[in-house]
C-alpha atoms as a PDB file:
ATOM      1  CA  MET A   1     229.017 -56.763 139.014  1.00  0.00           C
ATOM      2  CA  ASP A   2     227.203 -54.225 141.164  1.00  0.00           C
ATOM      3  CA  GLU A   3     223.610 -53.034 140.855  1.00  0.00           C
ATOM      4  CA  ARG A   4     224.571 -49.833 139.028  1.00  0.00           C
ATOM      5  CA  SER A   5     226.323 -51.783 136.246  1.00  0.00           C
ATOM      6  CA  VAL A   6     223.257 -53.944 135.732  1.00  0.00           C
ATOM      7  CA  TYR A   7     221.111 -50.830 135.202  1.00  0.00           C
ATOM      8  CA  VAL A   8     223.599 -49.457 132.712  1.00  0.00           C
ATOM      9  CA  TRP A   9     223.619 -52.682 130.684  1.00  0.00           C
ATOM     10  CA  VAL A  10     219.819 -52.955 130.784  1.00  0.00           C
ATOM     11  CA  ALA A  11     219.551 -49.348 129.554  1.00  0.00           C
ATOM     12  CA  ILE A  12     222.031 -49.988 126.725  1.00  0.00           C
ATOM     13  CA  ALA A  13     220.188 -53.167 125.680  1.00  0.00           C
ATOM     14  CA  GLY A  14     216.835 -51.388 125.838  1.00  0.00           C
ATOM     15  CA  LEU A  15     218.051 -48.499 123.722  1.00  0.00           C
ATOM     16  CA  ALA A  16     219.537 -50.927 121.193  1.00  0.00           C
ATOM     17  CA  VAL A  17     216.241 -52.815 120.902  1.00  0.00           C
ATOM     18  CA  VAL A  18     214.249 -49.600 120.513  1.00  0.00           C
ATOM     19  CA  SER A  19     216.671 -48.358 117.828  1.00  0.00           C
ATOM     20  CA  VAL A  20     216.517 -51.590 115.833  1.00  0.00           C
ATOM     21  CA  VAL A  21     212.728 -51.838 116.046  1.00  0.00           C
ATOM     22  CA  THR A  22     212.054 -48.205 115.102  1.00  0.00           C
ATOM     23  CA  ARG A  23     214.559 -48.153 112.254  1.00  0.00           C
ATOM     24  CA  GLY A  24     213.588 -51.555 110.918  1.00  0.00           C
ATOM     25  CA  PHE A  25     209.844 -51.008 111.290  1.00  0.00           C
ATOM     26  CA  PHE A  26     209.460 -49.856 107.684  1.00  0.00           C
ATOM     27  CA  LEU A  27     211.408 -52.837 106.346  1.00  0.00           C
ATOM     28  CA  ILE A  28     209.104 -55.435 107.925  1.00  0.00           C
ATOM     29  CA  PRO A  29     206.044 -55.163 105.607  1.00  0.00           C
ATOM     30  CA  SER A  30     206.238 -56.914 102.240  1.00  0.00           C
ATOM     31  CA  ARG A  31     204.584 -54.068 100.336  1.00  0.00           C
ATOM     32  CA  PRO A  32     205.079 -50.308 100.703  1.00  0.00           C
ATOM     33  CA  TRP A  33     202.544 -48.294 102.659  1.00  0.00           C
ATOM     34  CA  PRO A  34     200.501 -45.879 100.575  1.00  0.00           C
ATOM     35  CA  LEU A  35     200.924 -42.321 101.798  1.00  0.00           C
ATOM     36  CA  PRO A  36     198.158 -39.774 101.354  1.00  0.00           C
ATOM     37  CA  PRO A  37     199.135 -36.849  99.127  1.00  0.00           C
ATOM     38  CA  TRP A  38     198.861 -34.333 102.003  1.00  0.00           C
ATOM     39  CA  LEU A  39     201.329 -36.358 104.089  1.00  0.00           C
ATOM     40  CA  ARG A  40     203.736 -36.680 101.145  1.00  0.00           C
ATOM     41  CA  ASP A  41     203.617 -32.889 100.694  1.00  0.00           C
ATOM     42  CA  ALA A  42     204.147 -32.310 104.418  1.00  0.00           C
ATOM     43  CA  LEU A  43     207.187 -34.606 104.475  1.00  0.00           C
ATOM     44  CA  LYS A  44     208.792 -32.564 101.683  1.00  0.00           C
ATOM     45  CA  VAL A  45     208.971 -29.467 103.895  1.00  0.00           C
ATOM     46  CA  ALA A  46     209.773 -31.254 107.176  1.00  0.00           C
ATOM     47  CA  PRO A  47     213.557 -30.576 107.045  1.00  0.00           C
ATOM     48  CA  LEU A  48     212.979 -26.860 106.467  1.00  0.00           C
ATOM     49  CA  ALA A  49     210.422 -26.756 109.292  1.00  0.00           C
ATOM     50  CA  ALA A  50     212.907 -28.430 111.639  1.00  0.00           C
ATOM     51  CA  LEU A  51     215.599 -25.911 110.661  1.00  0.00           C
ATOM     52  CA  VAL A  52     213.226 -23.002 111.329  1.00  0.00           C
ATOM     53  CA  ALA A  53     212.252 -24.498 114.691  1.00  0.00           C
ATOM     54  CA  VAL A  54     215.913 -24.566 115.713  1.00  0.00           C
ATOM     55  CA  VAL A  55     216.984 -21.213 114.257  1.00  0.00           C
ATOM     56  CA  ALA A  56     213.965 -18.995 115.075  1.00  0.00           C
ATOM     57  CA  PRO A  57     214.447 -18.974 118.874  1.00  0.00           C
ATOM     58  CA  GLU A  58     218.112 -18.080 118.352  1.00  0.00           C
ATOM     59  CA  ILE A  59     217.118 -15.084 116.215  1.00  0.00           C
ATOM     60  CA  PHE A  60     214.180 -13.736 118.215  1.00  0.00           C
ATOM     61  CA  MET A  61     215.050 -14.651 121.817  1.00  0.00           C
ATOM     62  CA  THR A  62     217.884 -14.299 124.284  1.00  0.00           C
ATOM     63  CA  GLN A  63     217.920 -16.124 127.624  1.00  0.00           C
ATOM     64  CA  GLY A  64     214.264 -17.090 127.252  1.00  0.00           C
ATOM     65  CA  GLU A  65     212.916 -13.615 126.495  1.00  0.00           C
ATOM     66  CA  VAL A  66     212.076 -11.873 123.236  1.00  0.00           C
ATOM     67  CA  ILE A  67     214.727  -9.393 122.104  1.00  0.00           C
ATOM     68  CA  ALA A  68     213.384  -5.888 122.788  1.00  0.00           C
ATOM     69  CA  THR A  69     216.062  -3.805 121.058  1.00  0.00           C
ATOM     70  CA  TRP A  70     216.833  -3.392 117.387  1.00  0.00           C
ATOM     71  CA  GLN A  71     220.554  -3.126 118.170  1.00  0.00           C
ATOM     72  CA  ASP A  72     221.105  -6.851 118.032  1.00  0.00           C
ATOM     73  CA  ALA A  73     223.129  -8.270 115.158  1.00  0.00           C
ATOM     74  CA  ARG A  74     220.808 -11.261 114.701  1.00  0.00           C
ATOM     75  CA  TRP A  75     217.820  -9.276 113.398  1.00  0.00           C
ATOM     76  CA  PRO A  76     219.578  -7.489 110.508  1.00  0.00           C
ATOM     77  CA  ALA A  77     221.550 -10.625 109.668  1.00  0.00           C
ATOM     78  CA  ALA A  78     218.383 -12.688 109.356  1.00  0.00           C
ATOM     79  CA  LEU A  79     216.660  -9.959 107.363  1.00  0.00           C
ATOM     80  CA  VAL A  80     219.541  -9.524 104.923  1.00  0.00           C
ATOM     81  CA  ALA A  81     220.029 -13.262 104.535  1.00  0.00           C
ATOM     82  CA  THR A  82     216.351 -13.886 103.903  1.00  0.00           C
ATOM     83  CA  ALA A  83     215.430 -10.881 101.796  1.00  0.00           C
ATOM     84  CA  ALA A  84     218.645 -10.289  99.916  1.00  0.00           C
ATOM     85  CA  TYR A  85     219.912 -13.783  99.292  1.00  0.00           C
ATOM     86  CA  TYR A  86     217.270 -16.471  99.761  1.00  0.00           C
ATOM     87  CA  LEU A  87     214.614 -14.690  97.717  1.00  0.00           C
ATOM     88  CA  TRP A  88     217.201 -14.162  94.987  1.00  0.00           C
ATOM     89  CA  ARG A  89     218.890 -17.591  94.810  1.00  0.00           C
ATOM     90  CA  ARG A  90     216.729 -20.030  96.874  1.00  0.00           C
ATOM     91  CA  ASP A  91     219.779 -21.668  98.462  1.00  0.00           C
ATOM     92  CA  ILE A  92     219.488 -22.477 102.161  1.00  0.00           C
ATOM     93  CA  LEU A  93     223.170 -23.186 102.825  1.00  0.00           C
ATOM     94  CA  PHE A  94     224.423 -19.879 101.437  1.00  0.00           C
ATOM     95  CA  THR A  95     221.547 -18.051 103.129  1.00  0.00           C
ATOM     96  CA  ILE A  96     222.971 -19.260 106.441  1.00  0.00           C
ATOM     97  CA  VAL A  97     226.495 -18.288 105.368  1.00  0.00           C
ATOM     98  CA  ILE A  98     225.373 -14.782 104.317  1.00  0.00           C
ATOM     99  CA  GLY A  99     223.478 -14.307 107.580  1.00  0.00           C
ATOM    100  CA  MET A 100     226.505 -15.357 109.616  1.00  0.00           C
ATOM    101  CA  ALA A 101     228.760 -13.027 107.596  1.00  0.00           C
ATOM    102  CA  VAL A 102     226.444 -10.048 108.179  1.00  0.00           C
ATOM    103  CA  MET A 103     226.198 -10.874 111.883  1.00  0.00           C
ATOM    104  CA  LEU A 104     229.988 -11.167 112.161  1.00  0.00           C
ATOM    105  CA  CYS A 105     230.467  -7.795 110.436  1.00  0.00           C
ATOM    106  CA  LEU A 106     227.926  -6.123 112.734  1.00  0.00           C
ATOM    107  CA  ARG A 107     229.456  -7.634 115.873  1.00  0.00           C
ATOM    108  CA  LEU A 108     233.056  -6.832 114.949  1.00  0.00           C
ATOM    109  CA  GLY A 109     232.451  -3.554 113.103  1.00  0.00           C
ATOM    110  CA  VAL A 110     229.616  -1.919 115.032  1.00  0.00           C
ATOM    111  CA  GLY A 111     230.000  -3.766 118.320  1.00  0.00           C
ATOM    112  CA  TRP A 112     226.454  -5.124 118.573  1.00  0.00           C
END
């Protein structure tokens, strides 16, 4: 066994220990931890905040710079999906589907 293999096995073991400890950390105490109401409210919107953090740069930026032209299919697709569908139905999955459909139509039909 060479030196490189030892490092690989140490890294795998370390990652396994970190995964078990972090995932099992909340199972160790005998009683549940009380959460303040503000933290409970913040955790309710955390998935939506993570989705916005991933999607927003894809809508407003290209190659690290803010999009300067309105002739980009992402802007109208996001606007239509948000204004036309999400405000009407409050369904995140179909909002994404509608936005992708509008963007596809603009790219194939108009050539944006």
